[in-house]
């Protein structure tokens, strides 16, 4: 990304802040444009980064195609992270969720193709796999739009790809602040003691998105391999002496997360550190580099394979969880 002009939609969110830090520390971009609709968060971000000469702030909404048209002038790469992401809020305000997560994605695609932008990477979520709530369904739809956009752009046009990953430690909406607030009361609320989750640091997710932008050919959905943890182990790590109050699963919540579904196994390849879900409709033929990323040839997974937080091969124990929390600068004890 040296010398490039980069646009980050939803740039004032958890991902946008961490990604901007990553880019400014690792590269020498010409411009990093933060596109979001909250002027106060942009002000806070500007204070945080100390008016970095490459940083630009652009008030706008992905729902507004005309505004995107201005924001994407002379942009080389777009990282699309803007989304309405709260599950309950999306259930109560379904049309608003659709306007942002689906129609907003369509606007990104239209303008990127018109502007002949080289690459667009969309940040997705495990909740797009076998969705049971509107937020997940809207992100699944976004993924389909981005994959199909490669056909709209044509063989030599804009390339689009998606990246999925699971829960980010300490991000907005994380359960950790809830547990910390309940700790002094001696009782932690657990929806279900069988629950498991994928878990990663935001820095690892950001680095993976960066790597995928380099590797992508167009049409892929990249899935990072990350460890799983049990919600009860997280509770023990934060408040080992507290009692657990089982309150039952909330509407739209899953017992376990999935990042590759069984139905995707026919088009999924495994690599050392990630999976690639290839487009079901072939893109540009099977050249000699088909299925090769960073010099590694992918191996087709078995039919019926799935990658879930329950069947994961790598697990975090209580000590591992404490280490990650400390690395993320969250006060745990």
C-alpha atoms as a PDB file:
ATOM      1  CA  UNK A   1       0.000   0.000   0.000  1.00  0.00           C
ATOM      2  CA  UNK A   2       3.011   2.293  -0.271  1.00  0.00           C
ATOM      3  CA  UNK A   3       2.073   5.335  -2.318  1.00  0.00           C
ATOM      4  CA  UNK A   4      -1.543   4.168  -2.656  1.00  0.00           C
ATOM      5  CA  UNK A   5      -4.808   5.954  -1.956  1.00  0.00           C
ATOM      6  CA  UNK A   6      -6.918   3.871   0.427  1.00  0.00           C
ATOM      7  CA  UNK A   7     -10.554   4.281   1.475  1.00  0.00           C
ATOM      8  CA  UNK A   8     -11.941   2.653   4.621  1.00  0.00           C
ATOM      9  CA  UNK A   9     -15.726   2.686   4.982  1.00  0.00           C
ATOM     10  CA  UNK A  10     -16.911   2.543   8.575  1.00  0.00           C
ATOM     11  CA  UNK A  11     -13.446   3.837   9.288  1.00  0.00           C
ATOM     12  CA  UNK A  12     -14.166   5.129  12.802  1.00  0.00           C
ATOM     13  CA  UNK A  13     -15.222   1.705  14.116  1.00  0.00           C
ATOM     14  CA  UNK A  14     -13.107  -0.889  15.934  1.00  0.00           C
ATOM     15  CA  UNK A  15     -11.776  -2.340  12.694  1.00  0.00           C
ATOM     16  CA  UNK A  16     -11.235   1.061  11.079  1.00  0.00           C
ATOM     17  CA  UNK A  17      -9.179   2.403  13.986  1.00  0.00           C
ATOM     18  CA  UNK A  18      -7.008  -0.699  14.205  1.00  0.00           C
ATOM     19  CA  UNK A  19      -6.621  -0.964  10.435  1.00  0.00           C
ATOM     20  CA  UNK A  20      -5.608   2.680  10.142  1.00  0.00           C
ATOM     21  CA  UNK A  21      -2.940   2.174  12.835  1.00  0.00           C
ATOM     22  CA  UNK A  22      -1.681  -0.897  10.979  1.00  0.00           C
ATOM     23  CA  UNK A  23      -1.481   0.853   7.620  1.00  0.00           C
ATOM     24  CA  UNK A  24       0.197   4.021   8.915  1.00  0.00           C
ATOM     25  CA  UNK A  25       2.770   2.022  10.894  1.00  0.00           C
ATOM     26  CA  UNK A  26       3.585  -0.557   8.214  1.00  0.00           C
ATOM     27  CA  UNK A  27       3.292   1.404   4.972  1.00  0.00           C
ATOM     28  CA  UNK A  28       3.714   4.845   3.468  1.00  0.00           C
ATOM     29  CA  UNK A  29       0.341   5.445   1.825  1.00  0.00           C
ATOM     30  CA  UNK A  30      -0.367   8.604  -0.100  1.00  0.00           C
ATOM     31  CA  UNK A  31      -3.831   8.944   1.444  1.00  0.00           C
ATOM     32  CA  UNK A  32      -5.968   7.012   3.905  1.00  0.00           C
ATOM     33  CA  UNK A  33      -9.551   8.256   3.636  1.00  0.00           C
ATOM     34  CA  UNK A  34     -11.808   7.537   6.617  1.00  0.00           C
ATOM     35  CA  UNK A  35     -15.388   7.403   5.351  1.00  0.00           C
ATOM     36  CA  UNK A  36     -18.066   7.403   8.066  1.00  0.00           C
ATOM     37  CA  UNK A  37     -21.166   9.285   9.156  1.00  0.00           C
ATOM     38  CA  UNK A  38     -20.211  10.276  12.742  1.00  0.00           C
ATOM     39  CA  UNK A  39     -18.308  13.568  12.842  1.00  0.00           C
ATOM     40  CA  UNK A  40     -17.536  13.269  16.564  1.00  0.00           C
ATOM     41  CA  UNK A  41     -15.850   9.892  16.124  1.00  0.00           C
ATOM     42  CA  UNK A  42     -13.881  11.361  13.239  1.00  0.00           C
ATOM     43  CA  UNK A  43     -12.795  14.197  15.518  1.00  0.00           C
ATOM     44  CA  UNK A  44     -11.717  11.686  18.186  1.00  0.00           C
ATOM     45  CA  UNK A  45      -9.809   9.673  15.602  1.00  0.00           C
ATOM     46  CA  UNK A  46      -8.074  12.775  14.298  1.00  0.00           C
ATOM     47  CA  UNK A  47      -6.945  13.598  17.840  1.00  0.00           C
ATOM     48  CA  UNK A  48      -5.728  10.043  18.328  1.00  0.00           C
ATOM     49  CA  UNK A  49      -3.566  10.015  15.198  1.00  0.00           C
ATOM     50  CA  UNK A  50      -2.273  13.538  15.643  1.00  0.00           C
ATOM     51  CA  UNK A  51      -3.242  14.946  12.234  1.00  0.00           C
ATOM     52  CA  UNK A  52      -1.160  12.431  10.303  1.00  0.00           C
ATOM     53  CA  UNK A  53      -0.365  13.940   6.862  1.00  0.00           C
ATOM     54  CA  UNK A  54      -1.768  10.932   4.970  1.00  0.00           C
ATOM     55  CA  UNK A  55      -5.048  10.853   6.880  1.00  0.00           C
ATOM     56  CA  UNK A  56      -8.248  12.333   5.435  1.00  0.00           C
ATOM     57  CA  UNK A  57     -11.761  12.365   6.896  1.00  0.00           C
ATOM     58  CA  UNK A  58     -14.879  12.211   4.761  1.00  0.00           C
ATOM     59  CA  UNK A  59     -18.361  12.477   6.258  1.00  0.00           C
ATOM     60  CA  UNK A  60     -20.743  10.209   4.380  1.00  0.00           C
ATOM     61  CA  UNK A  61     -22.992   7.175   4.397  1.00  0.00           C
ATOM     62  CA  UNK A  62     -22.660   4.080   2.220  1.00  0.00           C
ATOM     63  CA  UNK A  63     -26.379   4.455   1.534  1.00  0.00           C
ATOM     64  CA  UNK A  64     -25.559   7.618  -0.436  1.00  0.00           C
ATOM     65  CA  UNK A  65     -24.140   6.646  -3.827  1.00  0.00           C
ATOM     66  CA  UNK A  66     -23.483  10.261  -4.850  1.00  0.00           C
ATOM     67  CA  UNK A  67     -21.368  10.837  -1.750  1.00  0.00           C
ATOM     68  CA  UNK A  68     -19.423   7.630  -2.381  1.00  0.00           C
ATOM     69  CA  UNK A  69     -18.830   8.853  -5.910  1.00  0.00           C
ATOM     70  CA  UNK A  70     -16.912  11.849  -4.529  1.00  0.00           C
ATOM     71  CA  UNK A  71     -15.135   9.854  -1.814  1.00  0.00           C
ATOM     72  CA  UNK A  72     -13.758   7.272  -4.265  1.00  0.00           C
ATOM     73  CA  UNK A  73     -12.054   9.740  -6.587  1.00  0.00           C
ATOM     74  CA  UNK A  74      -8.480   8.545  -7.286  1.00  0.00           C
ATOM     75  CA  UNK A  75      -8.779   5.667  -4.781  1.00  0.00           C
ATOM     76  CA  UNK A  76      -6.747   2.497  -5.435  1.00  0.00           C
ATOM     77  CA  UNK A  77      -8.064   0.105  -2.770  1.00  0.00           C
ATOM     78  CA  UNK A  78     -11.298   0.083  -0.737  1.00  0.00           C
ATOM     79  CA  UNK A  79     -11.745  -1.729   2.570  1.00  0.00           C
ATOM     80  CA  UNK A  80     -15.462  -1.971   3.251  1.00  0.00           C
ATOM     81  CA  UNK A  81     -16.198  -2.276   6.978  1.00  0.00           C
ATOM     82  CA  UNK A  82     -19.284  -0.059   7.300  1.00  0.00           C
ATOM     83  CA  UNK A  83     -22.227  -2.010   8.681  1.00  0.00           C
ATOM     84  CA  UNK A  84     -25.136  -1.986  11.048  1.00  0.00           C
ATOM     85  CA  UNK A  85     -23.889  -4.824  13.259  1.00  0.00           C
ATOM     86  CA  UNK A  86     -25.971  -4.985  16.434  1.00  0.00           C
ATOM     87  CA  UNK A  87     -28.163  -8.095  16.222  1.00  0.00           C
ATOM     88  CA  UNK A  88     -31.058  -6.804  18.334  1.00  0.00           C
ATOM     89  CA  UNK A  89     -31.067  -3.343  16.742  1.00  0.00           C
ATOM     90  CA  UNK A  90     -31.179  -4.983  13.304  1.00  0.00           C
ATOM     91  CA  UNK A  91     -34.168  -7.109  14.337  1.00  0.00           C
ATOM     92  CA  UNK A  92     -36.050  -4.023  15.538  1.00  0.00           C
ATOM     93  CA  UNK A  93     -35.021  -1.902  12.552  1.00  0.00           C
ATOM     94  CA  UNK A  94     -34.855  -4.375   9.650  1.00  0.00           C
ATOM     95  CA  UNK A  95     -35.219  -1.891   6.800  1.00  0.00           C
ATOM     96  CA  UNK A  96     -32.387   0.225   8.201  1.00  0.00           C
ATOM     97  CA  UNK A  97     -30.172  -2.859   8.371  1.00  0.00           C
ATOM     98  CA  UNK A  98     -30.982  -3.750   4.760  1.00  0.00           C
ATOM     99  CA  UNK A  99     -30.330  -0.199   3.555  1.00  0.00           C
ATOM    100  CA  UNK A 100     -26.872  -0.124   5.126  1.00  0.00           C
ATOM    101  CA  UNK A 101     -25.614  -3.698   4.841  1.00  0.00           C
ATOM    102  CA  UNK A 102     -27.119  -4.704   1.492  1.00  0.00           C
ATOM    103  CA  UNK A 103     -27.973  -1.574  -0.485  1.00  0.00           C
ATOM    104  CA  UNK A 104     -24.844   0.105   0.872  1.00  0.00           C
ATOM    105  CA  UNK A 105     -22.779  -2.810  -0.452  1.00  0.00           C
ATOM    106  CA  UNK A 106     -24.455  -2.422  -3.838  1.00  0.00           C
ATOM    107  CA  UNK A 107     -23.486   1.263  -3.863  1.00  0.00           C
ATOM    108  CA  UNK A 108     -19.870   0.403  -3.072  1.00  0.00           C
ATOM    109  CA  UNK A 109     -19.821  -2.074  -5.971  1.00  0.00           C
ATOM    110  CA  UNK A 110     -21.388   0.306  -8.500  1.00  0.00           C
ATOM    111  CA  UNK A 111     -19.064   3.198  -7.709  1.00  0.00           C
ATOM    112  CA  UNK A 112     -15.934   1.022  -7.488  1.00  0.00           C
ATOM    113  CA  UNK A 113     -16.574  -0.400 -10.959  1.00  0.00           C
ATOM    114  CA  UNK A 114     -17.342   3.034 -12.412  1.00  0.00           C
ATOM    115  CA  UNK A 115     -14.172   4.484 -10.861  1.00  0.00           C
ATOM    116  CA  UNK A 116     -12.077   1.487 -12.020  1.00  0.00           C
ATOM    117  CA  UNK A 117     -10.761   0.909  -8.512  1.00  0.00           C
ATOM    118  CA  UNK A 118      -8.252  -1.972  -8.438  1.00  0.00           C
ATOM    119  CA  UNK A 119      -9.398  -3.914  -5.395  1.00  0.00           C
ATOM    120  CA  UNK A 120     -12.263  -3.909  -2.901  1.00  0.00           C
ATOM    121  CA  UNK A 121     -12.142  -6.047   0.258  1.00  0.00           C
ATOM    122  CA  UNK A 122     -15.292  -6.511   2.335  1.00  0.00           C
ATOM    123  CA  UNK A 123     -15.064  -7.380   6.030  1.00  0.00           C
ATOM    124  CA  UNK A 124     -17.630 -10.061   6.853  1.00  0.00           C
ATOM    125  CA  UNK A 125     -18.487 -12.197   9.876  1.00  0.00           C
ATOM    126  CA  UNK A 126     -19.106 -15.744  11.041  1.00  0.00           C
ATOM    127  CA  UNK A 127     -22.762 -14.747  11.409  1.00  0.00           C
ATOM    128  CA  UNK A 128     -23.055 -14.743   7.600  1.00  0.00           C
ATOM    129  CA  UNK A 129     -22.708 -18.552   7.704  1.00  0.00           C
ATOM    130  CA  UNK A 130     -26.092 -20.266   8.129  1.00  0.00           C
ATOM    131  CA  UNK A 131     -27.592 -16.999   9.407  1.00  0.00           C
ATOM    132  CA  UNK A 132     -30.398 -17.085  11.960  1.00  0.00           C
ATOM    133  CA  UNK A 133     -30.826 -13.328  12.383  1.00  0.00           C
ATOM    134  CA  UNK A 134     -31.196 -10.398  10.003  1.00  0.00           C
ATOM    135  CA  UNK A 135     -27.696  -9.081  10.651  1.00  0.00           C
ATOM    136  CA  UNK A 136     -26.196 -12.419   9.589  1.00  0.00           C
ATOM    137  CA  UNK A 137     -28.542 -12.695   6.609  1.00  0.00           C
ATOM    138  CA  UNK A 138     -27.630  -9.181   5.466  1.00  0.00           C
ATOM    139  CA  UNK A 139     -23.910  -9.989   5.643  1.00  0.00           C
ATOM    140  CA  UNK A 140     -24.486 -13.239   3.746  1.00  0.00           C
ATOM    141  CA  UNK A 141     -26.233 -11.208   1.072  1.00  0.00           C
ATOM    142  CA  UNK A 142     -23.350  -8.726   1.068  1.00  0.00           C
ATOM    143  CA  UNK A 143     -20.893 -11.578   0.456  1.00  0.00           C
ATOM    144  CA  UNK A 144     -22.948 -12.823  -2.505  1.00  0.00           C
ATOM    145  CA  UNK A 145     -23.063  -9.315  -3.960  1.00  0.00           C
ATOM    146  CA  UNK A 146     -19.305  -8.893  -3.667  1.00  0.00           C
ATOM    147  CA  UNK A 147     -18.527 -12.271  -5.220  1.00  0.00           C
ATOM    148  CA  UNK A 148     -20.904 -11.653  -8.138  1.00  0.00           C
ATOM    149  CA  UNK A 149     -19.495  -8.137  -8.604  1.00  0.00           C
ATOM    150  CA  UNK A 150     -16.424  -9.684 -10.227  1.00  0.00           C
ATOM    151  CA  UNK A 151     -18.637 -10.795 -13.130  1.00  0.00           C
ATOM    152  CA  UNK A 152     -20.107  -7.299 -13.422  1.00  0.00           C
ATOM    153  CA  UNK A 153     -16.626  -5.785 -13.505  1.00  0.00           C
ATOM    154  CA  UNK A 154     -15.373  -8.168 -16.200  1.00  0.00           C
ATOM    155  CA  UNK A 155     -12.084 -10.000 -16.545  1.00  0.00           C
ATOM    156  CA  UNK A 156      -9.864  -6.922 -16.330  1.00  0.00           C
ATOM    157  CA  UNK A 157     -12.047  -4.780 -14.059  1.00  0.00           C
ATOM    158  CA  UNK A 158     -12.265  -4.192 -10.328  1.00  0.00           C
ATOM    159  CA  UNK A 159     -11.572  -7.240  -8.174  1.00  0.00           C
ATOM    160  CA  UNK A 160     -13.770  -7.937  -5.139  1.00  0.00           C
ATOM    161  CA  UNK A 161     -13.189 -10.351  -2.240  1.00  0.00           C
ATOM    162  CA  UNK A 162     -14.530 -10.994   1.279  1.00  0.00           C
ATOM    163  CA  UNK A 163     -12.867 -11.813   4.597  1.00  0.00           C
ATOM    164  CA  UNK A 164     -14.653 -13.625   7.443  1.00  0.00           C
ATOM    165  CA  UNK A 165     -13.533 -13.829  11.046  1.00  0.00           C
ATOM    166  CA  UNK A 166     -15.142 -14.399  14.451  1.00  0.00           C
ATOM    167  CA  UNK A 167     -15.394 -12.510  17.724  1.00  0.00           C
ATOM    168  CA  UNK A 168     -12.816  -9.816  18.345  1.00  0.00           C
ATOM    169  CA  UNK A 169     -11.503  -9.463  21.895  1.00  0.00           C
ATOM    170  CA  UNK A 170     -12.612  -6.193  23.440  1.00  0.00           C
ATOM    171  CA  UNK A 171     -14.492  -4.846  20.424  1.00  0.00           C
ATOM    172  CA  UNK A 172     -17.721  -2.912  20.882  1.00  0.00           C
ATOM    173  CA  UNK A 173     -20.428  -5.386  21.878  1.00  0.00           C
ATOM    174  CA  UNK A 174     -17.914  -7.784  23.449  1.00  0.00           C
ATOM    175  CA  UNK A 175     -19.084  -9.756  26.480  1.00  0.00           C
ATOM    176  CA  UNK A 176     -15.933  -8.886  28.437  1.00  0.00           C
ATOM    177  CA  UNK A 177     -17.121  -5.442  29.639  1.00  0.00           C
ATOM    178  CA  UNK A 178     -20.392  -7.067  30.730  1.00  0.00           C
ATOM    179  CA  UNK A 179     -18.532  -9.665  32.813  1.00  0.00           C
ATOM    180  CA  UNK A 180     -16.280  -6.981  34.308  1.00  0.00           C
ATOM    181  CA  UNK A 181     -19.326  -4.902  35.314  1.00  0.00           C
ATOM    182  CA  UNK A 182     -20.974  -7.946  36.929  1.00  0.00           C
ATOM    183  CA  UNK A 183     -17.821  -9.144  38.678  1.00  0.00           C
ATOM    184  CA  UNK A 184     -18.249  -7.058  41.849  1.00  0.00           C
ATOM    185  CA  UNK A 185     -21.760  -8.450  42.270  1.00  0.00           C
ATOM    186  CA  UNK A 186     -20.412 -11.997  42.518  1.00  0.00           C
ATOM    187  CA  UNK A 187     -22.618 -13.410  39.717  1.00  0.00           C
ATOM    188  CA  UNK A 188     -21.982 -13.546  35.958  1.00  0.00           C
ATOM    189  CA  UNK A 189     -24.843 -13.998  33.489  1.00  0.00           C
ATOM    190  CA  UNK A 190     -24.222 -16.819  30.980  1.00  0.00           C
ATOM    191  CA  UNK A 191     -26.719 -17.486  28.217  1.00  0.00           C
ATOM    192  CA  UNK A 192     -25.735 -21.180  27.900  1.00  0.00           C
ATOM    193  CA  UNK A 193     -22.830 -23.013  29.545  1.00  0.00           C
ATOM    194  CA  UNK A 194     -22.276 -25.110  26.375  1.00  0.00           C
ATOM    195  CA  UNK A 195     -21.568 -22.025  24.256  1.00  0.00           C
ATOM    196  CA  UNK A 196     -18.315 -21.750  22.285  1.00  0.00           C
ATOM    197  CA  UNK A 197     -16.865 -18.892  20.275  1.00  0.00           C
ATOM    198  CA  UNK A 198     -13.995 -18.171  17.908  1.00  0.00           C
ATOM    199  CA  UNK A 199     -11.701 -15.549  19.418  1.00  0.00           C
ATOM    200  CA  UNK A 200      -8.968 -13.336  18.023  1.00  0.00           C
ATOM    201  CA  UNK A 201      -7.252 -10.024  18.636  1.00  0.00           C
ATOM    202  CA  UNK A 202      -8.252  -7.123  16.401  1.00  0.00           C
ATOM    203  CA  UNK A 203      -4.580  -6.791  15.373  1.00  0.00           C
ATOM    204  CA  UNK A 204      -4.623 -10.337  14.002  1.00  0.00           C
ATOM    205  CA  UNK A 205      -7.848  -9.719  12.104  1.00  0.00           C
ATOM    206  CA  UNK A 206      -6.480  -6.504  10.602  1.00  0.00           C
ATOM    207  CA  UNK A 207      -3.220  -8.152   9.531  1.00  0.00           C
ATOM    208  CA  UNK A 208      -5.217 -10.934   7.868  1.00  0.00           C
ATOM    209  CA  UNK A 209      -7.373  -8.460   5.938  1.00  0.00           C
ATOM    210  CA  UNK A 210      -4.181  -6.760   4.763  1.00  0.00           C
ATOM    211  CA  UNK A 211      -2.735 -10.101   3.642  1.00  0.00           C
ATOM    212  CA  UNK A 212      -5.934 -11.042   1.829  1.00  0.00           C
ATOM    213  CA  UNK A 213      -5.864  -7.753  -0.094  1.00  0.00           C
ATOM    214  CA  UNK A 214      -2.444  -8.753  -1.404  1.00  0.00           C
ATOM    215  CA  UNK A 215      -3.384 -12.376  -2.180  1.00  0.00           C
ATOM    216  CA  UNK A 216      -6.856 -11.949  -3.648  1.00  0.00           C
ATOM    217  CA  UNK A 217      -7.592 -12.705  -7.283  1.00  0.00           C
ATOM    218  CA  UNK A 218     -11.311 -11.903  -7.145  1.00  0.00           C
ATOM    219  CA  UNK A 219     -14.358 -13.777  -5.902  1.00  0.00           C
ATOM    220  CA  UNK A 220     -12.825 -15.469  -2.871  1.00  0.00           C
ATOM    221  CA  UNK A 221     -14.062 -15.509   0.690  1.00  0.00           C
ATOM    222  CA  UNK A 222     -11.060 -15.836   2.997  1.00  0.00           C
ATOM    223  CA  UNK A 223     -11.516 -17.436   6.422  1.00  0.00           C
ATOM    224  CA  UNK A 224      -8.797 -17.091   9.042  1.00  0.00           C
ATOM    225  CA  UNK A 225      -8.007 -20.050  11.297  1.00  0.00           C
ATOM    226  CA  UNK A 226      -8.400 -18.871  14.876  1.00  0.00           C
ATOM    227  CA  UNK A 227      -8.722 -20.628  18.263  1.00  0.00           C
ATOM    228  CA  UNK A 228     -11.979 -21.393  20.018  1.00  0.00           C
ATOM    229  CA  UNK A 229     -12.886 -20.820  23.640  1.00  0.00           C
ATOM    230  CA  UNK A 230     -15.711 -21.882  25.923  1.00  0.00           C
ATOM    231  CA  UNK A 231     -17.783 -19.070  27.381  1.00  0.00           C
ATOM    232  CA  UNK A 232     -17.446 -20.700  30.808  1.00  0.00           C
ATOM    233  CA  UNK A 233     -13.632 -20.550  30.529  1.00  0.00           C
ATOM    234  CA  UNK A 234     -13.873 -16.855  29.690  1.00  0.00           C
ATOM    235  CA  UNK A 235     -16.010 -16.342  32.800  1.00  0.00           C
ATOM    236  CA  UNK A 236     -13.495 -18.240  34.950  1.00  0.00           C
ATOM    237  CA  UNK A 237     -10.625 -16.224  33.520  1.00  0.00           C
ATOM    238  CA  UNK A 238     -12.272 -12.895  34.365  1.00  0.00           C
ATOM    239  CA  UNK A 239     -13.981 -13.781  37.654  1.00  0.00           C
ATOM    240  CA  UNK A 240     -12.915 -17.197  38.978  1.00  0.00           C
ATOM    241  CA  UNK A 241     -14.796 -16.776  42.251  1.00  0.00           C
ATOM    242  CA  UNK A 242     -18.121 -15.699  40.765  1.00  0.00           C
ATOM    243  CA  UNK A 243     -21.180 -17.871  40.409  1.00  0.00           C
ATOM    244  CA  UNK A 244     -22.633 -18.415  36.916  1.00  0.00           C
ATOM    245  CA  UNK A 245     -26.291 -17.611  36.312  1.00  0.00           C
ATOM    246  CA  UNK A 246     -27.626 -19.404  33.200  1.00  0.00           C
ATOM    247  CA  UNK A 247     -30.210 -17.092  31.612  1.00  0.00           C
ATOM    248  CA  UNK A 248     -30.893 -18.859  28.296  1.00  0.00           C
ATOM    249  CA  UNK A 249     -29.909 -18.091  24.712  1.00  0.00           C
ATOM    250  CA  UNK A 250     -31.047 -14.723  23.391  1.00  0.00           C
ATOM    251  CA  UNK A 251     -33.076 -14.310  20.186  1.00  0.00           C
ATOM    252  CA  UNK A 252     -30.825 -14.567  17.141  1.00  0.00           C
ATOM    253  CA  UNK A 253     -27.913 -16.066  19.104  1.00  0.00           C
ATOM    254  CA  UNK A 254     -26.144 -19.311  18.182  1.00  0.00           C
ATOM    255  CA  UNK A 255     -24.769 -21.946  20.531  1.00  0.00           C
ATOM    256  CA  UNK A 256     -21.666 -22.337  18.340  1.00  0.00           C
ATOM    257  CA  UNK A 257     -20.211 -20.204  15.559  1.00  0.00           C
ATOM    258  CA  UNK A 258     -19.485 -21.409  12.022  1.00  0.00           C
ATOM    259  CA  UNK A 259     -17.081 -19.864   9.535  1.00  0.00           C
ATOM    260  CA  UNK A 260     -17.252 -22.534   6.822  1.00  0.00           C
ATOM    261  CA  UNK A 261     -20.546 -24.375   6.337  1.00  0.00           C
ATOM    262  CA  UNK A 262     -20.897 -27.999   5.203  1.00  0.00           C
ATOM    263  CA  UNK A 263     -22.620 -26.735   2.070  1.00  0.00           C
ATOM    264  CA  UNK A 264     -19.488 -24.759   1.182  1.00  0.00           C
ATOM    265  CA  UNK A 265     -17.173 -27.761   1.472  1.00  0.00           C
ATOM    266  CA  UNK A 266     -17.330 -28.522  -2.267  1.00  0.00           C
ATOM    267  CA  UNK A 267     -15.730 -25.151  -3.066  1.00  0.00           C
ATOM    268  CA  UNK A 268     -13.416 -24.767  -0.050  1.00  0.00           C
ATOM    269  CA  UNK A 269      -9.645 -25.215   0.028  1.00  0.00           C
ATOM    270  CA  UNK A 270      -7.471 -25.391   3.110  1.00  0.00           C
ATOM    271  CA  UNK A 271      -4.125 -23.645   3.612  1.00  0.00           C
ATOM    272  CA  UNK A 272      -1.754 -23.543   6.568  1.00  0.00           C
ATOM    273  CA  UNK A 273      -3.326 -20.500   8.233  1.00  0.00           C
ATOM    274  CA  UNK A 274      -6.647 -20.017   6.453  1.00  0.00           C
ATOM    275  CA  UNK A 275      -9.395 -21.418   4.239  1.00  0.00           C
ATOM    276  CA  UNK A 276     -10.587 -20.055   0.918  1.00  0.00           C
ATOM    277  CA  UNK A 277     -14.211 -20.462  -0.116  1.00  0.00           C
ATOM    278  CA  UNK A 278     -14.081 -20.174  -3.885  1.00  0.00           C
ATOM    279  CA  UNK A 279     -16.966 -18.746  -5.936  1.00  0.00           C
ATOM    280  CA  UNK A 280     -19.499 -21.389  -6.912  1.00  0.00           C
ATOM    281  CA  UNK A 281     -19.690 -19.918 -10.403  1.00  0.00           C
ATOM    282  CA  UNK A 282     -16.190 -20.072 -11.880  1.00  0.00           C
ATOM    283  CA  UNK A 283     -14.558 -16.769 -12.702  1.00  0.00           C
ATOM    284  CA  UNK A 284     -11.762 -16.758 -15.250  1.00  0.00           C
ATOM    285  CA  UNK A 285     -10.881 -20.427 -15.811  1.00  0.00           C
ATOM    286  CA  UNK A 286      -8.365 -22.701 -14.128  1.00  0.00           C
ATOM    287  CA  UNK A 287      -4.939 -21.218 -14.863  1.00  0.00           C
ATOM    288  CA  UNK A 288      -1.684 -22.545 -13.492  1.00  0.00           C
ATOM    289  CA  UNK A 289      -2.004 -20.306 -10.419  1.00  0.00           C
ATOM    290  CA  UNK A 290      -5.553 -21.408  -9.579  1.00  0.00           C
ATOM    291  CA  UNK A 291      -5.794 -22.216  -5.885  1.00  0.00           C
ATOM    292  CA  UNK A 292      -2.285 -20.889  -5.147  1.00  0.00           C
ATOM    293  CA  UNK A 293      -1.842 -18.162  -2.516  1.00  0.00           C
ATOM    294  CA  UNK A 294       1.535 -16.992  -1.237  1.00  0.00           C
ATOM    295  CA  UNK A 295       3.099 -19.875  -3.138  1.00  0.00           C
ATOM    296  CA  UNK A 296       0.972 -22.466  -1.307  1.00  0.00           C
ATOM    297  CA  UNK A 297      -1.330 -24.795  -3.221  1.00  0.00           C
ATOM    298  CA  UNK A 298      -4.600 -25.304  -1.424  1.00  0.00           C
ATOM    299  CA  UNK A 299      -5.970 -28.730  -0.539  1.00  0.00           C
ATOM    300  CA  UNK A 300      -9.654 -29.435  -1.135  1.00  0.00           C
ATOM    301  CA  UNK A 301     -11.471 -30.189   2.110  1.00  0.00           C
ATOM    302  CA  UNK A 302     -13.555 -33.344   2.492  1.00  0.00           C
ATOM    303  CA  UNK A 303     -17.172 -33.235   1.359  1.00  0.00           C
ATOM    304  CA  UNK A 304     -19.327 -32.308   4.341  1.00  0.00           C
ATOM    305  CA  UNK A 305     -16.451 -30.510   6.081  1.00  0.00           C
ATOM    306  CA  UNK A 306     -17.327 -27.581   8.324  1.00  0.00           C
ATOM    307  CA  UNK A 307     -15.267 -25.181  10.405  1.00  0.00           C
ATOM    308  CA  UNK A 308     -17.045 -24.281  13.621  1.00  0.00           C
ATOM    309  CA  UNK A 309     -16.096 -23.084  17.072  1.00  0.00           C
ATOM    310  CA  UNK A 310     -17.269 -26.481  18.363  1.00  0.00           C
ATOM    311  CA  UNK A 311     -15.224 -28.736  16.036  1.00  0.00           C
ATOM    312  CA  UNK A 312     -12.112 -26.537  15.994  1.00  0.00           C
ATOM    313  CA  UNK A 313      -8.728 -28.224  16.550  1.00  0.00           C
ATOM    314  CA  UNK A 314      -7.265 -25.293  18.535  1.00  0.00           C
ATOM    315  CA  UNK A 315      -8.658 -24.227  21.929  1.00  0.00           C
ATOM    316  CA  UNK A 316      -7.848 -21.554  24.470  1.00  0.00           C
ATOM    317  CA  UNK A 317      -7.693 -22.460  28.149  1.00  0.00           C
ATOM    318  CA  UNK A 318      -8.193 -20.080  31.052  1.00  0.00           C
ATOM    319  CA  UNK A 319      -4.506 -19.048  31.120  1.00  0.00           C
ATOM    320  CA  UNK A 320      -4.487 -18.479  27.333  1.00  0.00           C
ATOM    321  CA  UNK A 321      -7.570 -16.281  27.615  1.00  0.00           C
ATOM    322  CA  UNK A 322      -5.989 -14.219  30.407  1.00  0.00           C
ATOM    323  CA  UNK A 323      -2.868 -13.706  28.291  1.00  0.00           C
ATOM    324  CA  UNK A 324      -4.910 -12.496  25.318  1.00  0.00           C
ATOM    325  CA  UNK A 325      -6.982 -10.158  27.483  1.00  0.00           C
ATOM    326  CA  UNK A 326      -3.811  -8.667  28.951  1.00  0.00           C
ATOM    327  CA  UNK A 327      -2.330  -8.238  25.449  1.00  0.00           C
ATOM    328  CA  UNK A 328      -5.477  -6.373  24.452  1.00  0.00           C
ATOM    329  CA  UNK A 329      -5.122  -3.961  27.392  1.00  0.00           C
ATOM    330  CA  UNK A 330      -8.404  -4.985  28.968  1.00  0.00           C
ATOM    331  CA  UNK A 331      -8.337  -4.930  32.766  1.00  0.00           C
ATOM    332  CA  UNK A 332      -9.275  -8.455  33.812  1.00  0.00           C
ATOM    333  CA  UNK A 333      -8.477  -8.602  37.527  1.00  0.00           C
END
